[in-house]
mmCIF file of all heavy atoms, coordinates in Angstrom:
data_MODEL
# 
_entry.id   MODEL 
# 
loop_
_atom_site.group_PDB 
_atom_site.id 
_atom_site.type_symbol 
_atom_site.label_atom_id 
_atom_site.label_alt_id 
_atom_site.label_comp_id 
_atom_site.label_asym_id 
_atom_site.label_entity_id 
_atom_site.label_seq_id 
_atom_site.pdbx_PDB_ins_code 
_atom_site.Cartn_x 
_atom_site.Cartn_y 
_atom_site.Cartn_z 
_atom_site.occupancy 
_atom_site.B_iso_or_equiv 
_atom_site.pdbx_formal_charge 
_atom_site.auth_seq_id 
_atom_site.auth_comp_id 
_atom_site.auth_asym_id 
_atom_site.auth_atom_id 
_atom_site.pdbx_PDB_model_num 
ATOM 1   N N   . ALA A 1 1  ? 89.028  49.399 69.860 1.00 0.00 ? 1  ALA A N   1 
ATOM 2   C CA  . ALA A 1 1  ? 87.935  50.357 69.674 1.00 0.00 ? 1  ALA A CA  1 
ATOM 3   C C   . ALA A 1 1  ? 88.417  51.805 69.730 1.00 0.00 ? 1  ALA A C   1 
ATOM 4   O O   . ALA A 1 1  ? 87.655  52.720 69.454 1.00 0.00 ? 1  ALA A O   1 
ATOM 5   C CB  . ALA A 1 1  ? 86.871  50.132 70.728 1.00 0.00 ? 1  ALA A CB  1 
ATOM 6   N N   . SER A 1 2  ? 89.681  51.996 70.093 1.00 0.00 ? 2  SER A N   1 
ATOM 7   C CA  . SER A 1 2  ? 90.238  53.348 70.152 1.00 0.00 ? 2  SER A CA  1 
ATOM 8   C C   . SER A 1 2  ? 91.704  53.283 69.734 1.00 0.00 ? 2  SER A C   1 
ATOM 9   O O   . SER A 1 2  ? 92.261  52.211 69.555 1.00 0.00 ? 2  SER A O   1 
ATOM 10  C CB  . SER A 1 2  ? 90.114  53.929 71.564 1.00 0.00 ? 2  SER A CB  1 
ATOM 11  O OG  . SER A 1 2  ? 90.803  53.128 72.485 1.00 0.00 ? 2  SER A OG  1 
ATOM 12  N N   . THR A 1 3  ? 92.308  54.443 69.598 1.00 0.00 ? 3  THR A N   1 
ATOM 13  C CA  . THR A 1 3  ? 93.726  54.504 69.242 1.00 0.00 ? 3  THR A CA  1 
ATOM 14  C C   . THR A 1 3  ? 94.553  53.947 70.393 1.00 0.00 ? 3  THR A C   1 
ATOM 15  O O   . THR A 1 3  ? 94.293  54.250 71.546 1.00 0.00 ? 3  THR A O   1 
ATOM 16  C CB  . THR A 1 3  ? 94.136  55.957 68.949 1.00 0.00 ? 3  THR A CB  1 
ATOM 17  O OG1 . THR A 1 3  ? 93.351  56.423 67.847 1.00 0.00 ? 3  THR A OG1 1 
ATOM 18  C CG2 . THR A 1 3  ? 95.602  56.059 68.592 1.00 0.00 ? 3  THR A CG2 1 
ATOM 19  N N   . VAL A 1 4  ? 95.542  53.119 70.063 1.00 0.00 ? 4  VAL A N   1 
ATOM 20  C CA  . VAL A 1 4  ? 96.418  52.527 71.077 1.00 0.00 ? 4  VAL A CA  1 
ATOM 21  C C   . VAL A 1 4  ? 97.789  53.170 70.966 1.00 0.00 ? 4  VAL A C   1 
ATOM 22  O O   . VAL A 1 4  ? 98.398  53.178 69.890 1.00 0.00 ? 4  VAL A O   1 
ATOM 23  C CB  . VAL A 1 4  ? 96.544  50.999 70.883 1.00 0.00 ? 4  VAL A CB  1 
ATOM 24  C CG1 . VAL A 1 4  ? 97.482  50.399 71.915 1.00 0.00 ? 4  VAL A CG1 1 
ATOM 25  C CG2 . VAL A 1 4  ? 95.175  50.339 70.949 1.00 0.00 ? 4  VAL A CG2 1 
ATOM 26  N N   . ALA A 1 5  ? 98.276  53.718 72.083 1.00 0.00 ? 5  ALA A N   1 
ATOM 27  C CA  . ALA A 1 5  ? 99.580  54.382 72.117 1.00 0.00 ? 5  ALA A CA  1 
ATOM 28  C C   . ALA A 1 5  ? 100.594 53.492 72.821 1.00 0.00 ? 5  ALA A C   1 
ATOM 29  O O   . ALA A 1 5  ? 100.246 52.708 73.709 1.00 0.00 ? 5  ALA A O   1 
ATOM 30  C CB  . ALA A 1 5  ? 99.475  55.715 72.833 1.00 0.00 ? 5  ALA A CB  1 
ATOM 31  N N   . CYS A 1 6  ? 101.856 53.630 72.443 1.00 0.00 ? 6  CYS A N   1 
ATOM 32  C CA  . CYS A 1 6  ? 102.947 52.929 73.105 1.00 0.00 ? 6  CYS A CA  1 
ATOM 33  C C   . CYS A 1 6  ? 103.009 53.375 74.561 1.00 0.00 ? 6  CYS A C   1 
ATOM 34  O O   . CYS A 1 6  ? 102.959 54.576 74.849 1.00 0.00 ? 6  CYS A O   1 
ATOM 35  C CB  . CYS A 1 6  ? 104.270 53.225 72.398 1.00 0.00 ? 6  CYS A CB  1 
ATOM 36  S SG  . CYS A 1 6  ? 105.710 52.494 73.200 1.00 0.00 ? 6  CYS A SG  1 
ATOM 37  N N   . ALA A 1 7  ? 103.133 52.424 75.470 1.00 0.00 ? 7  ALA A N   1 
ATOM 38  C CA  . ALA A 1 7  ? 103.184 52.734 76.901 1.00 0.00 ? 7  ALA A CA  1 
ATOM 39  C C   . ALA A 1 7  ? 104.485 53.420 77.294 1.00 0.00 ? 7  ALA A C   1 
ATOM 40  O O   . ALA A 1 7  ? 104.551 54.079 78.328 1.00 0.00 ? 7  ALA A O   1 
ATOM 41  C CB  . ALA A 1 7  ? 103.009 51.460 77.714 1.00 0.00 ? 7  ALA A CB  1 
ATOM 42  N N   . VAL A 1 8  ? 105.525 53.309 76.466 1.00 0.00 ? 8  VAL A N   1 
ATOM 43  C CA  . VAL A 1 8  ? 106.823 53.896 76.791 1.00 0.00 ? 8  VAL A CA  1 
ATOM 44  C C   . VAL A 1 8  ? 106.969 55.301 76.215 1.00 0.00 ? 8  VAL A C   1 
ATOM 45  O O   . VAL A 1 8  ? 107.274 56.246 76.938 1.00 0.00 ? 8  VAL A O   1 
ATOM 46  C CB  . VAL A 1 8  ? 107.973 52.989 76.291 1.00 0.00 ? 8  VAL A CB  1 
ATOM 47  C CG1 . VAL A 1 8  ? 109.315 53.643 76.501 1.00 0.00 ? 8  VAL A CG1 1 
ATOM 48  C CG2 . VAL A 1 8  ? 107.913 51.641 76.986 1.00 0.00 ? 8  VAL A CG2 1 
ATOM 49  N N   . CYS A 1 9  ? 106.738 55.455 74.909 1.00 0.00 ? 9  CYS A N   1 
ATOM 50  C CA  . CYS A 1 9  ? 107.018 56.744 74.275 1.00 0.00 ? 9  CYS A CA  1 
ATOM 51  C C   . CYS A 1 9  ? 105.780 57.481 73.769 1.00 0.00 ? 9  CYS A C   1 
ATOM 52  O O   . CYS A 1 9  ? 105.866 58.638 73.375 1.00 0.00 ? 9  CYS A O   1 
ATOM 53  C CB  . CYS A 1 9  ? 108.011 56.563 73.131 1.00 0.00 ? 9  CYS A CB  1 
ATOM 54  S SG  . CYS A 1 9  ? 107.345 55.695 71.702 1.00 0.00 ? 9  CYS A SG  1 
ATOM 55  N N   . GLY A 1 10 ? 104.619 56.819 73.740 1.00 0.00 ? 10 GLY A N   1 
ATOM 56  C CA  . GLY A 1 10 ? 103.387 57.480 73.321 1.00 0.00 ? 10 GLY A CA  1 
ATOM 57  C C   . GLY A 1 10 ? 103.098 57.462 71.835 1.00 0.00 ? 10 GLY A C   1 
ATOM 58  O O   . GLY A 1 10 ? 102.072 57.983 71.397 1.00 0.00 ? 10 GLY A O   1 
ATOM 59  N N   . THR A 1 11 ? 103.964 56.844 71.038 1.00 0.00 ? 11 THR A N   1 
ATOM 60  C CA  . THR A 1 11 ? 103.734 56.737 69.600 1.00 0.00 ? 11 THR A CA  1 
ATOM 61  C C   . THR A 1 11 ? 102.498 55.877 69.343 1.00 0.00 ? 11 THR A C   1 
ATOM 62  O O   . THR A 1 11 ? 102.266 54.896 70.041 1.00 0.00 ? 11 THR A O   1 
ATOM 63  C CB  . THR A 1 11 ? 104.948 56.084 68.910 1.00 0.00 ? 11 THR A CB  1 
ATOM 64  O OG1 . THR A 1 11 ? 106.082 56.921 69.114 1.00 0.00 ? 11 THR A OG1 1 
ATOM 65  C CG2 . THR A 1 11 ? 104.731 55.889 67.422 1.00 0.00 ? 11 THR A CG2 1 
ATOM 66  N N   . THR A 1 12 ? 101.704 56.213 68.343 1.00 0.00 ? 12 THR A N   1 
ATOM 67  C CA  . THR A 1 12 ? 100.509 55.439 68.015 1.00 0.00 ? 12 THR A CA  1 
ATOM 68  C C   . THR A 1 12 ? 100.910 54.084 67.443 1.00 0.00 ? 12 THR A C   1 
ATOM 69  O O   . THR A 1 12 ? 101.685 54.005 66.488 1.00 0.00 ? 12 THR A O   1 
ATOM 70  C CB  . THR A 1 12 ? 99.638  56.196 67.003 1.00 0.00 ? 12 THR A CB  1 
ATOM 71  O OG1 . THR A 1 12 ? 99.248  57.438 67.596 1.00 0.00 ? 12 THR A OG1 1 
ATOM 72  C CG2 . THR A 1 12 ? 98.406  55.399 66.624 1.00 0.00 ? 12 THR A CG2 1 
ATOM 73  N N   . LEU A 1 13 ? 100.363 53.011 68.040 1.00 0.00 ? 13 LEU A N   1 
ATOM 74  C CA  . LEU A 1 13 ? 100.634 51.655 67.570 1.00 0.00 ? 13 LEU A CA  1 
ATOM 75  C C   . LEU A 1 13 ? 99.497  51.108 66.720 1.00 0.00 ? 13 LEU A C   1 
ATOM 76  O O   . LEU A 1 13 ? 99.722  50.313 65.815 1.00 0.00 ? 13 LEU A O   1 
ATOM 77  C CB  . LEU A 1 13 ? 100.861 50.710 68.755 1.00 0.00 ? 13 LEU A CB  1 
ATOM 78  C CG  . LEU A 1 13 ? 102.077 50.984 69.614 1.00 0.00 ? 13 LEU A CG  1 
ATOM 79  C CD1 . LEU A 1 13 ? 102.134 49.973 70.752 1.00 0.00 ? 13 LEU A CD1 1 
ATOM 80  C CD2 . LEU A 1 13 ? 103.353 50.932 68.796 1.00 0.00 ? 13 LEU A CD2 1 
ATOM 81  N N   . ALA A 1 14 ? 98.260  51.518 67.013 1.00 0.00 ? 14 ALA A N   1 
ATOM 82  C CA  . ALA A 1 14 ? 97.104  51.004 66.280 1.00 0.00 ? 14 ALA A CA  1 
ATOM 83  C C   . ALA A 1 14 ? 95.999  52.049 66.236 1.00 0.00 ? 14 ALA A C   1 
ATOM 84  O O   . ALA A 1 14 ? 95.837  52.839 67.164 1.00 0.00 ? 14 ALA A O   1 
ATOM 85  C CB  . ALA A 1 14 ? 96.592  49.733 66.938 1.00 0.00 ? 14 ALA A CB  1 
ATOM 86  N N   . HIS A 1 15 ? 95.242  52.031 65.141 1.00 0.00 ? 15 HIS A N   1 
ATOM 87  C CA  . HIS A 1 15 ? 94.096  52.918 64.951 1.00 0.00 ? 15 HIS A CA  1 
ATOM 88  C C   . HIS A 1 15 ? 92.841  52.058 64.842 1.00 0.00 ? 15 HIS A C   1 
ATOM 89  O O   . HIS A 1 15 ? 92.854  51.013 64.198 1.00 0.00 ? 15 HIS A O   1 
ATOM 90  C CB  . HIS A 1 15 ? 94.207  53.716 63.646 1.00 0.00 ? 15 HIS A CB  1 
ATOM 91  C CG  . HIS A 1 15 ? 95.324  54.685 63.613 1.00 0.00 ? 15 HIS A CG  1 
ATOM 92  N ND1 . HIS A 1 15 ? 95.268  55.902 64.247 1.00 0.00 ? 15 HIS A ND1 1 
ATOM 93  C CD2 . HIS A 1 15 ? 96.539  54.625 63.021 1.00 0.00 ? 15 HIS A CD2 1 
ATOM 94  C CE1 . HIS A 1 15 ? 96.398  56.550 64.029 1.00 0.00 ? 15 HIS A CE1 1 
ATOM 95  N NE2 . HIS A 1 15 ? 97.188  55.787 63.289 1.00 0.00 ? 15 HIS A NE2 1 
ATOM 96  N N   . SER A 1 16 ? 91.749  52.530 65.418 1.00 0.00 ? 16 SER A N   1 
ATOM 97  C CA  . SER A 1 16 ? 90.466  51.869 65.275 1.00 0.00 ? 16 SER A CA  1 
ATOM 98  C C   . SER A 1 16 ? 89.910  52.155 63.881 1.00 0.00 ? 16 SER A C   1 
ATOM 99  O O   . SER A 1 16 ? 90.036  53.270 63.377 1.00 0.00 ? 16 SER A O   1 
ATOM 100 C CB  . SER A 1 16 ? 89.493  52.399 66.323 1.00 0.00 ? 16 SER A CB  1 
ATOM 101 O OG  . SER A 1 16 ? 88.203  51.901 66.088 1.00 0.00 ? 16 SER A OG  1 
ATOM 102 N N   . THR A 1 17 ? 89.290  51.142 63.276 1.00 0.00 ? 17 THR A N   1 
ATOM 103 C CA  . THR A 1 17 ? 88.685  51.328 61.958 1.00 0.00 ? 17 THR A CA  1 
ATOM 104 C C   . THR A 1 17 ? 87.214  50.936 61.963 1.00 0.00 ? 17 THR A C   1 
ATOM 105 O O   . THR A 1 17 ? 86.578  50.940 60.924 1.00 0.00 ? 17 THR A O   1 
ATOM 106 C CB  . THR A 1 17 ? 89.407  50.480 60.895 1.00 0.00 ? 17 THR A CB  1 
ATOM 107 O OG1 . THR A 1 17 ? 89.267  49.101 61.248 1.00 0.00 ? 17 THR A OG1 1 
ATOM 108 C CG2 . THR A 1 17 ? 90.864  50.845 60.779 1.00 0.00 ? 17 THR A CG2 1 
ATOM 109 N N   . GLY A 1 18 ? 86.697  50.566 63.135 1.00 0.00 ? 18 GLY A N   1 
ATOM 110 C CA  . GLY A 1 18 ? 85.329  50.076 63.209 1.00 0.00 ? 18 GLY A CA  1 
ATOM 111 C C   . GLY A 1 18 ? 85.266  48.573 63.020 1.00 0.00 ? 18 GLY A C   1 
ATOM 112 O O   . GLY A 1 18 ? 84.217  47.963 63.150 1.00 0.00 ? 18 GLY A O   1 
ATOM 113 N N   . GLY A 1 19 ? 86.384  47.965 62.747 1.00 0.00 ? 19 GLY A N   1 
ATOM 114 C CA  . GLY A 1 19 ? 86.520  46.518 62.587 1.00 0.00 ? 19 GLY A CA  1 
ATOM 115 C C   . GLY A 1 19 ? 87.898  46.146 63.071 1.00 0.00 ? 19 GLY A C   1 
ATOM 116 O O   . GLY A 1 19 ? 88.282  46.469 64.185 1.00 0.00 ? 19 GLY A O   1 
ATOM 117 N N   . ASP A 1 20 ? 88.652  45.493 62.223 1.00 0.00 ? 20 ASP A N   1 
ATOM 118 C CA  . ASP A 1 20 ? 90.036  45.183 62.571 1.00 0.00 ? 20 ASP A CA  1 
ATOM 119 C C   . ASP A 1 20 ? 90.858  46.465 62.620 1.00 0.00 ? 20 ASP A C   1 
ATOM 120 O O   . ASP A 1 20 ? 90.733  47.330 61.750 1.00 0.00 ? 20 ASP A O   1 
ATOM 121 C CB  . ASP A 1 20 ? 90.661  44.233 61.545 1.00 0.00 ? 20 ASP A CB  1 
ATOM 122 C CG  . ASP A 1 20 ? 90.068  42.839 61.605 1.00 0.00 ? 20 ASP A CG  1 
ATOM 123 O OD1 . ASP A 1 20 ? 89.531  42.472 62.666 1.00 0.00 ? 20 ASP A OD1 1 
ATOM 124 O OD2 . ASP A 1 20 ? 90.160  42.110 60.605 1.00 0.00 ? 20 ASP A OD2 1 
ATOM 125 N N   . ALA A 1 21 ? 91.690  46.580 63.637 1.00 0.00 ? 21 ALA A N   1 
ATOM 126 C CA  . ALA A 1 21 ? 92.541  47.764 63.781 1.00 0.00 ? 21 ALA A CA  1 
ATOM 127 C C   . ALA A 1 21 ? 93.643  47.756 62.723 1.00 0.00 ? 21 ALA A C   1 
ATOM 128 O O   . ALA A 1 21 ? 94.033  46.703 62.224 1.00 0.00 ? 21 ALA A O   1 
ATOM 129 C CB  . ALA A 1 21 ? 93.167  47.784 65.170 1.00 0.00 ? 21 ALA A CB  1 
ATOM 130 N N   . THR A 1 22 ? 94.131  48.940 62.377 1.00 0.00 ? 22 THR A N   1 
ATOM 131 C CA  . THR A 1 22 ? 95.305  49.035 61.514 1.00 0.00 ? 22 THR A CA  1 
ATOM 132 C C   . THR A 1 22 ? 96.503  49.317 62.411 1.00 0.00 ? 22 THR A C   1 
ATOM 133 O O   . THR A 1 22 ? 96.429  50.164 63.298 1.00 0.00 ? 22 THR A O   1 
ATOM 134 C CB  . THR A 1 22 ? 95.159  50.152 60.459 1.00 0.00 ? 22 THR A CB  1 
ATOM 135 O OG1 . THR A 1 22 ? 94.894  51.383 61.107 1.00 0.00 ? 22 THR A OG1 1 
ATOM 136 C CG2 . THR A 1 22 ? 94.048  49.840 59.478 1.00 0.00 ? 22 THR A CG2 1 
ATOM 137 N N   . PHE A 1 23 ? 97.600  48.598 62.185 1.00 0.00 ? 23 PHE A N   1 
ATOM 138 C CA  . PHE A 1 23 ? 98.780  48.697 63.028 1.00 0.00 ? 23 PHE A CA  1 
ATOM 139 C C   . PHE A 1 23 ? 99.834  49.584 62.384 1.00 0.00 ? 23 PHE A C   1 
ATOM 140 O O   . PHE A 1 23 ? 100.119 49.458 61.195 1.00 0.00 ? 23 PHE A O   1 
ATOM 141 C CB  . PHE A 1 23 ? 99.371  47.311 63.296 1.00 0.00 ? 23 PHE A CB  1 
ATOM 142 C CG  . PHE A 1 23 ? 98.439  46.407 64.048 1.00 0.00 ? 23 PHE A CG  1 
ATOM 143 C CD1 . PHE A 1 23 ? 97.808  45.347 63.422 1.00 0.00 ? 23 PHE A CD1 1 
ATOM 144 C CD2 . PHE A 1 23 ? 98.189  46.619 65.392 1.00 0.00 ? 23 PHE A CD2 1 
ATOM 145 C CE1 . PHE A 1 23 ? 96.951  44.524 64.105 1.00 0.00 ? 23 PHE A CE1 1 
ATOM 146 C CE2 . PHE A 1 23 ? 97.325  45.796 66.100 1.00 0.00 ? 23 PHE A CE2 1 
ATOM 147 C CZ  . PHE A 1 23 ? 96.710  44.744 65.453 1.00 0.00 ? 23 PHE A CZ  1 
ATOM 148 N N   . GLU A 1 24 ? 100.422 50.475 63.173 1.00 0.00 ? 24 GLU A N   1 
ATOM 149 C CA  . GLU A 1 24 ? 101.520 51.329 62.729 1.00 0.00 ? 24 GLU A CA  1 
ATOM 150 C C   . GLU A 1 24 ? 102.854 50.635 62.960 1.00 0.00 ? 24 GLU A C   1 
ATOM 151 O O   . GLU A 1 24 ? 103.790 50.815 62.207 1.00 0.00 ? 24 GLU A O   1 
ATOM 152 C CB  . GLU A 1 24 ? 101.492 52.664 63.480 1.00 0.00 ? 24 GLU A CB  1 
ATOM 153 C CG  . GLU A 1 24 ? 100.251 53.495 63.243 1.00 0.00 ? 24 GLU A CG  1 
ATOM 154 C CD  . GLU A 1 24 ? 100.109 53.954 61.811 1.00 0.00 ? 24 GLU A CD  1 
ATOM 155 O OE1 . GLU A 1 24 ? 101.131 54.304 61.184 1.00 0.00 ? 24 GLU A OE1 1 
ATOM 156 O OE2 . GLU A 1 24 ? 98.973  53.952 61.312 1.00 0.00 ? 24 GLU A OE2 1 
ATOM 157 N N   . GLY A 1 25 ? 102.933 49.858 64.028 1.00 0.00 ? 25 GLY A N   1 
ATOM 158 C CA  . GLY A 1 25 ? 104.162 49.135 64.348 1.00 0.00 ? 25 GLY A CA  1 
ATOM 159 C C   . GLY A 1 25 ? 104.183 47.776 63.672 1.00 0.00 ? 25 GLY A C   1 
ATOM 160 O O   . GLY A 1 25 ? 103.216 47.366 63.031 1.00 0.00 ? 25 GLY A O   1 
ATOM 161 N N   . GLU A 1 26 ? 105.301 47.079 63.823 1.00 0.00 ? 26 GLU A N   1 
ATOM 162 C CA  . GLU A 1 26 ? 105.464 45.750 63.251 1.00 0.00 ? 26 GLU A CA  1 
ATOM 163 C C   . GLU A 1 26 ? 104.770 44.719 64.134 1.00 0.00 ? 26 GLU A C   1 
ATOM 164 O O   . GLU A 1 26 ? 104.990 44.668 65.341 1.00 0.00 ? 26 GLU A O   1 
ATOM 165 C CB  . GLU A 1 26 ? 106.954 45.418 63.151 1.00 0.00 ? 26 GLU A CB  1 
ATOM 166 C CG  . GLU A 1 26 ? 107.234 44.030 62.652 1.00 0.00 ? 26 GLU A CG  1 
ATOM 167 C CD  . GLU A 1 26 ? 108.711 43.679 62.711 1.00 0.00 ? 26 GLU A CD  1 
ATOM 168 O OE1 . GLU A 1 26 ? 109.521 44.534 63.103 1.00 0.00 ? 26 GLU A OE1 1 
ATOM 169 O OE2 . GLU A 1 26 ? 109.035 42.541 62.374 1.00 0.00 ? 26 GLU A OE2 1 
ATOM 170 N N   . VAL A 1 27 ? 103.904 43.882 63.533 1.00 0.00 ? 27 VAL A N   1 
ATOM 171 C CA  . VAL A 1 27 ? 103.263 42.802 64.276 1.00 0.00 ? 27 VAL A CA  1 
ATOM 172 C C   . VAL A 1 27 ? 104.270 41.665 64.384 1.00 0.00 ? 27 VAL A C   1 
ATOM 173 O O   . VAL A 1 27 ? 104.708 41.103 63.378 1.00 0.00 ? 27 VAL A O   1 
ATOM 174 C CB  . VAL A 1 27 ? 101.974 42.328 63.577 1.00 0.00 ? 27 VAL A CB  1 
ATOM 175 C CG1 . VAL A 1 27 ? 101.378 41.138 64.313 1.00 0.00 ? 27 VAL A CG1 1 
ATOM 176 C CG2 . VAL A 1 27 ? 100.974 43.471 63.499 1.00 0.00 ? 27 VAL A CG2 1 
# 
């Protein structure tokens, strides 16, 4: 439901889209 940041470096891993999230990193 919100932007997810990497716990180590803070890079964005996922963005909320109102449905399924879009992933920046490799699943």
